[in-house]
């Protein structure tokens, strides 16, 4: 199965500074073998997506996934691209992506070299 982009969009999300919103580019890929939708987010501003992940997920849910009746927690594998993020790459052993793992009320991150199929 190939990781073809089926939808992409730039989104703004709130940060701690009201006049300086965060910005991400999201790419939705074909569903994987387990029926989950891989979504890659790439940071467009100086804000770390890790610091604002809950806000980013809320924005993705309301702006994209609510329109197609999909719940991120149940049906999406979310990844952060580490391209251009030297600090995060170093922290996660030079991996290409961080897999965002949603567990109950907490978010965990796992370094990955590839998108799971």
N, C-alpha and C. Protein backbone atom coordinates (compact mmCIF):
# COMPACT_ATOMS: atom_id res chain seq x y z
N UNK A 1 0.85 -1.17 0.00
CA UNK A 1 0.00 0.00 0.00
C UNK A 1 0.89 1.23 0.00
N UNK A 2 0.58 2.19 -0.81
CA UNK A 2 1.41 3.39 -0.88
C UNK A 2 0.82 4.50 -0.03
N UNK A 3 1.68 5.39 0.36
CA UNK A 3 1.27 6.52 1.18
C UNK A 3 0.96 7.73 0.30
N UNK A 4 -0.10 7.65 -0.48
CA UNK A 4 -0.50 8.76 -1.33
C UNK A 4 -1.27 9.79 -0.51
N UNK A 5 -1.01 11.07 -0.79
CA UNK A 5 -1.72 12.15 -0.12
C UNK A 5 -3.11 12.25 -0.73
N UNK A 6 -4.14 12.17 0.13
CA UNK A 6 -5.51 12.31 -0.37
C UNK A 6 -6.11 13.66 -0.02
N UNK A 7 -5.48 14.38 0.91
CA UNK A 7 -5.97 15.71 1.31
C UNK A 7 -4.85 16.42 2.02
N UNK A 8 -4.75 17.73 1.79
CA UNK A 8 -3.76 18.52 2.51
C UNK A 8 -4.30 19.92 2.73
N UNK A 9 -3.81 20.53 3.81
CA UNK A 9 -4.35 21.83 4.18
C UNK A 9 -3.43 22.49 5.19
N UNK A 10 -3.38 23.81 5.15
CA UNK A 10 -2.68 24.59 6.16
C UNK A 10 -3.71 25.02 7.21
N UNK A 11 -3.32 24.95 8.48
CA UNK A 11 -4.22 25.31 9.57
C UNK A 11 -3.51 26.19 10.59
N UNK A 12 -4.27 27.10 11.17
CA UNK A 12 -3.80 27.90 12.29
C UNK A 12 -4.32 27.30 13.58
N UNK A 13 -3.55 27.44 14.65
CA UNK A 13 -4.00 26.99 15.97
C UNK A 13 -3.59 28.03 17.00
N UNK A 14 -4.32 28.12 18.10
CA UNK A 14 -3.99 29.14 19.11
C UNK A 14 -2.74 28.79 19.90
N UNK A 15 -1.99 29.82 20.25
CA UNK A 15 -0.81 29.67 21.11
C UNK A 15 -1.03 30.53 22.35
N UNK A 16 -0.01 30.64 23.17
CA UNK A 16 -0.12 31.45 24.37
C UNK A 16 -0.11 32.94 24.06
N UNK A 17 0.30 33.31 22.86
CA UNK A 17 0.31 34.72 22.44
C UNK A 17 -0.78 34.92 21.40
N UNK A 18 -1.83 35.62 21.75
CA UNK A 18 -3.01 35.75 20.89
C UNK A 18 -2.70 36.37 19.52
N UNK A 19 -1.67 37.21 19.45
CA UNK A 19 -1.35 37.84 18.16
C UNK A 19 -0.31 37.06 17.36
N UNK A 20 0.06 35.88 17.85
CA UNK A 20 1.04 35.05 17.17
C UNK A 20 0.55 33.60 17.11
N UNK A 21 -0.41 33.31 16.22
CA UNK A 21 -0.91 31.93 16.14
C UNK A 21 0.14 30.98 15.57
N UNK A 22 -0.02 29.71 15.88
CA UNK A 22 0.82 28.68 15.28
C UNK A 22 0.23 28.27 13.95
N UNK A 23 1.06 27.70 13.11
CA UNK A 23 0.61 27.25 11.80
C UNK A 23 1.24 25.90 11.47
N UNK A 24 0.41 25.01 10.95
CA UNK A 24 0.90 23.70 10.51
C UNK A 24 0.37 23.42 9.10
N UNK A 25 1.07 22.53 8.43
CA UNK A 25 0.60 21.96 7.17
C UNK A 25 0.28 20.50 7.48
N UNK A 26 -0.94 20.07 7.14
CA UNK A 26 -1.31 18.68 7.39
C UNK A 26 -1.52 17.96 6.07
N UNK A 27 -1.09 16.71 6.05
CA UNK A 27 -1.30 15.84 4.89
C UNK A 27 -1.98 14.57 5.36
N UNK A 28 -3.13 14.28 4.78
CA UNK A 28 -3.86 13.05 5.08
C UNK A 28 -3.51 12.04 4.00
N UNK A 29 -3.10 10.83 4.43
CA UNK A 29 -2.70 9.79 3.49
C UNK A 29 -3.78 8.73 3.36
N UNK A 30 -3.62 7.86 2.37
CA UNK A 30 -4.53 6.71 2.23
C UNK A 30 -4.54 5.92 3.53
N UNK A 31 -5.66 5.31 3.88
CA UNK A 31 -5.70 4.48 5.09
C UNK A 31 -4.65 3.37 5.05
N UNK A 32 -4.12 3.04 6.24
CA UNK A 32 -3.12 1.97 6.32
C UNK A 32 -3.79 0.60 6.37
N UNK A 33 -3.00 -0.44 6.54
CA UNK A 33 -3.52 -1.82 6.54
C UNK A 33 -4.50 -2.09 7.68
N UNK A 34 -4.40 -1.31 8.75
CA UNK A 34 -5.29 -1.49 9.89
C UNK A 34 -6.54 -0.60 9.80
N UNK A 35 -6.67 0.12 8.70
CA UNK A 35 -7.83 0.98 8.52
C UNK A 35 -7.72 2.33 9.19
N UNK A 36 -6.53 2.67 9.69
CA UNK A 36 -6.30 3.98 10.31
C UNK A 36 -5.82 4.96 9.25
N UNK A 37 -6.13 6.23 9.44
CA UNK A 37 -5.74 7.26 8.49
C UNK A 37 -4.46 7.93 9.00
N UNK A 38 -3.34 7.77 8.29
CA UNK A 38 -2.12 8.47 8.68
C UNK A 38 -2.23 9.95 8.33
N UNK A 39 -1.87 10.80 9.28
CA UNK A 39 -1.85 12.24 9.06
C UNK A 39 -0.50 12.76 9.51
N UNK A 40 0.16 13.48 8.62
CA UNK A 40 1.46 14.06 8.91
C UNK A 40 1.26 15.56 9.10
N UNK A 41 1.79 16.08 10.20
CA UNK A 41 1.77 17.53 10.38
C UNK A 41 3.19 18.05 10.33
N UNK A 42 3.33 19.19 9.66
CA UNK A 42 4.62 19.84 9.54
C UNK A 42 4.47 21.26 10.07
N UNK A 43 5.36 21.63 10.95
CA UNK A 43 5.30 22.94 11.57
C UNK A 43 5.64 24.04 10.56
N UNK A 44 4.92 25.15 10.60
CA UNK A 44 5.17 26.28 9.71
C UNK A 44 5.64 27.53 10.45
N UNK A 45 5.60 27.49 11.79
CA UNK A 45 6.04 28.64 12.58
C UNK A 45 7.08 28.18 13.59
N UNK A 46 7.57 29.10 14.40
CA UNK A 46 8.61 28.77 15.37
C UNK A 46 8.08 28.04 16.60
N UNK A 47 6.76 27.89 16.72
CA UNK A 47 6.18 27.20 17.86
C UNK A 47 6.40 25.69 17.73
N UNK A 48 6.74 25.06 18.84
CA UNK A 48 6.91 23.61 18.82
C UNK A 48 5.54 22.95 18.85
N UNK A 49 5.25 22.06 17.89
CA UNK A 49 3.95 21.38 17.91
C UNK A 49 3.75 20.54 19.17
N UNK A 50 4.83 20.07 19.77
CA UNK A 50 4.72 19.29 21.00
C UNK A 50 4.12 20.15 22.13
N UNK A 51 4.51 21.41 22.19
CA UNK A 51 4.00 22.31 23.23
C UNK A 51 2.51 22.59 23.08
N UNK A 52 1.99 22.44 21.86
CA UNK A 52 0.59 22.80 21.59
C UNK A 52 -0.21 21.63 21.00
N UNK A 53 0.23 20.40 21.26
CA UNK A 53 -0.41 19.25 20.61
C UNK A 53 -1.90 19.15 20.91
N UNK A 54 -2.31 19.38 22.13
CA UNK A 54 -3.73 19.30 22.44
C UNK A 54 -4.54 20.31 21.61
N UNK A 55 -4.01 21.50 21.44
CA UNK A 55 -4.69 22.53 20.65
C UNK A 55 -4.69 22.15 19.16
N UNK A 56 -3.60 21.58 18.71
CA UNK A 56 -3.52 21.15 17.31
C UNK A 56 -4.53 20.04 17.04
N UNK A 57 -4.61 19.07 17.94
CA UNK A 57 -5.57 17.97 17.77
C UNK A 57 -7.00 18.51 17.77
N UNK A 58 -7.29 19.42 18.68
CA UNK A 58 -8.63 20.02 18.73
C UNK A 58 -8.96 20.75 17.43
N UNK A 59 -7.98 21.47 16.90
CA UNK A 59 -8.18 22.20 15.63
C UNK A 59 -8.37 21.23 14.47
N UNK A 60 -7.53 20.19 14.39
CA UNK A 60 -7.69 19.19 13.34
C UNK A 60 -9.05 18.52 13.42
N UNK A 61 -9.47 18.18 14.64
CA UNK A 61 -10.76 17.51 14.81
C UNK A 61 -11.90 18.40 14.32
N UNK A 62 -11.91 19.65 14.75
CA UNK A 62 -13.04 20.53 14.40
C UNK A 62 -13.01 21.02 12.96
N UNK A 63 -11.82 21.29 12.43
CA UNK A 63 -11.72 21.88 11.09
C UNK A 63 -11.70 20.86 9.96
N UNK A 64 -11.28 19.63 10.25
CA UNK A 64 -11.14 18.63 9.20
C UNK A 64 -12.00 17.39 9.47
N UNK A 65 -11.76 16.75 10.59
CA UNK A 65 -12.34 15.43 10.80
C UNK A 65 -13.81 15.42 11.23
N UNK A 66 -14.28 16.45 11.89
CA UNK A 66 -15.71 16.51 12.22
C UNK A 66 -16.56 16.55 10.95
N UNK A 67 -16.04 17.12 9.90
CA UNK A 67 -16.77 17.23 8.63
C UNK A 67 -17.01 15.88 7.96
N UNK A 68 -16.15 14.92 8.29
CA UNK A 68 -16.30 13.59 7.67
C UNK A 68 -16.58 12.51 8.73
N UNK A 69 -17.00 12.95 9.91
CA UNK A 69 -17.42 12.05 10.99
C UNK A 69 -16.35 11.04 11.40
N UNK A 70 -15.13 11.52 11.54
CA UNK A 70 -14.01 10.67 11.96
C UNK A 70 -13.44 11.24 13.25
N UNK A 71 -13.24 10.36 14.23
CA UNK A 71 -12.63 10.77 15.50
C UNK A 71 -11.13 10.47 15.45
N UNK A 72 -10.33 11.49 15.69
CA UNK A 72 -8.88 11.33 15.64
C UNK A 72 -8.42 10.23 16.60
N UNK A 73 -8.92 10.23 17.82
CA UNK A 73 -8.48 9.28 18.84
C UNK A 73 -8.68 7.84 18.39
N UNK A 74 -9.74 7.56 17.66
CA UNK A 74 -10.07 6.19 17.29
C UNK A 74 -9.58 5.79 15.90
N UNK A 75 -9.46 6.73 14.97
CA UNK A 75 -9.28 6.37 13.57
C UNK A 75 -8.07 6.97 12.86
N UNK A 76 -7.22 7.69 13.58
CA UNK A 76 -6.12 8.40 12.94
C UNK A 76 -4.79 8.05 13.60
N UNK A 77 -3.77 7.87 12.80
CA UNK A 77 -2.39 7.79 13.28
C UNK A 77 -1.75 9.13 12.94
N UNK A 78 -1.40 9.88 13.96
CA UNK A 78 -0.89 11.23 13.79
C UNK A 78 0.63 11.23 13.91
N UNK A 79 1.29 11.91 12.98
CA UNK A 79 2.75 12.01 12.95
C UNK A 79 3.16 13.48 12.85
N UNK A 80 4.27 13.81 13.50
CA UNK A 80 4.88 15.12 13.34
C UNK A 80 6.13 14.93 12.51
N UNK A 81 6.23 15.66 11.41
CA UNK A 81 7.46 15.62 10.61
C UNK A 81 8.54 16.38 11.36
N UNK A 82 9.72 15.79 11.46
CA UNK A 82 10.84 16.45 12.14
C UNK A 82 11.76 17.16 11.16
N UNK A 83 11.35 17.23 9.91
CA UNK A 83 12.14 17.94 8.90
C UNK A 83 12.31 19.39 9.34
N UNK A 84 13.54 19.83 9.44
CA UNK A 84 13.83 21.22 9.80
C UNK A 84 13.81 21.49 11.30
N UNK A 85 13.66 20.48 12.11
CA UNK A 85 13.62 20.67 13.57
C UNK A 85 14.82 19.98 14.20
N UNK A 86 15.95 20.66 14.21
CA UNK A 86 17.19 20.06 14.70
C UNK A 86 17.10 19.62 16.15
N UNK A 87 16.47 20.43 17.01
CA UNK A 87 16.37 20.09 18.43
C UNK A 87 15.57 18.81 18.65
N UNK A 88 14.41 18.71 18.00
CA UNK A 88 13.59 17.51 18.16
C UNK A 88 14.25 16.29 17.53
N UNK A 89 14.91 16.48 16.38
CA UNK A 89 15.61 15.35 15.74
C UNK A 89 16.67 14.81 16.68
N UNK A 90 17.42 15.70 17.30
CA UNK A 90 18.47 15.27 18.22
C UNK A 90 17.87 14.55 19.42
N UNK A 91 16.79 15.08 19.96
CA UNK A 91 16.14 14.48 21.13
C UNK A 91 15.58 13.09 20.82
N UNK A 92 15.14 12.87 19.59
CA UNK A 92 14.53 11.59 19.20
C UNK A 92 15.42 10.80 18.23
N UNK A 93 16.72 10.82 18.46
CA UNK A 93 17.70 9.98 17.75
C UNK A 93 17.65 10.13 16.23
N UNK A 94 17.52 11.34 15.74
CA UNK A 94 17.53 11.65 14.31
C UNK A 94 16.45 10.91 13.52
N UNK A 95 15.33 10.64 14.15
CA UNK A 95 14.21 10.03 13.44
C UNK A 95 13.57 11.07 12.52
N UNK A 96 12.83 10.62 11.51
CA UNK A 96 12.17 11.51 10.56
C UNK A 96 10.82 12.02 11.05
N UNK A 97 10.17 11.19 11.89
CA UNK A 97 8.83 11.52 12.37
C UNK A 97 8.70 11.22 13.85
N UNK A 98 7.75 11.89 14.48
CA UNK A 98 7.29 11.51 15.80
C UNK A 98 5.89 10.99 15.65
N UNK A 99 5.63 9.80 16.12
CA UNK A 99 4.27 9.27 16.15
C UNK A 99 3.62 9.78 17.42
N UNK A 100 2.48 10.42 17.29
CA UNK A 100 1.74 10.94 18.43
C UNK A 100 0.83 9.81 18.92
N UNK A 101 1.04 9.38 20.15
CA UNK A 101 0.26 8.30 20.73
C UNK A 101 -0.69 8.90 21.76
N UNK A 102 -1.98 8.76 21.51
CA UNK A 102 -3.00 9.31 22.39
C UNK A 102 -3.50 8.22 23.33
N UNK A 103 -3.27 8.43 24.62
CA UNK A 103 -3.71 7.46 25.64
C UNK A 103 -4.51 8.21 26.68
N UNK A 104 -5.80 7.88 26.75
CA UNK A 104 -6.71 8.52 27.68
C UNK A 104 -6.51 10.02 27.67
N UNK A 105 -5.98 10.59 28.75
CA UNK A 105 -5.81 12.04 28.82
C UNK A 105 -4.36 12.49 28.69
N UNK A 106 -3.54 11.68 28.03
CA UNK A 106 -2.15 12.08 27.87
C UNK A 106 -1.67 11.80 26.45
N UNK A 107 -0.62 12.51 26.09
CA UNK A 107 -0.03 12.38 24.76
C UNK A 107 1.41 11.91 24.94
N UNK A 108 1.79 10.87 24.18
CA UNK A 108 3.17 10.38 24.18
C UNK A 108 3.71 10.47 22.77
N UNK A 109 5.03 10.44 22.64
CA UNK A 109 5.68 10.56 21.34
C UNK A 109 6.68 9.42 21.16
N UNK A 110 6.70 8.85 19.96
CA UNK A 110 7.66 7.80 19.63
C UNK A 110 8.35 8.17 18.33
N UNK A 111 9.68 8.15 18.32
CA UNK A 111 10.43 8.44 17.12
C UNK A 111 10.25 7.33 16.08
N UNK A 112 10.07 7.70 14.82
CA UNK A 112 9.88 6.74 13.72
C UNK A 112 10.68 7.21 12.51
N UNK A 113 11.17 6.24 11.74
CA UNK A 113 11.84 6.57 10.49
C UNK A 113 10.88 6.58 9.31
N UNK A 114 9.76 5.85 9.45
CA UNK A 114 8.79 5.75 8.37
C UNK A 114 7.38 5.80 8.93
N UNK A 115 6.45 6.11 8.05
CA UNK A 115 5.03 6.06 8.39
C UNK A 115 4.61 4.59 8.39
N UNK A 116 3.94 4.14 9.45
CA UNK A 116 3.48 2.76 9.51
C UNK A 116 2.46 2.50 8.42
N UNK A 117 2.54 1.33 7.83
CA UNK A 117 1.57 0.97 6.78
C UNK A 117 0.54 0.01 7.31
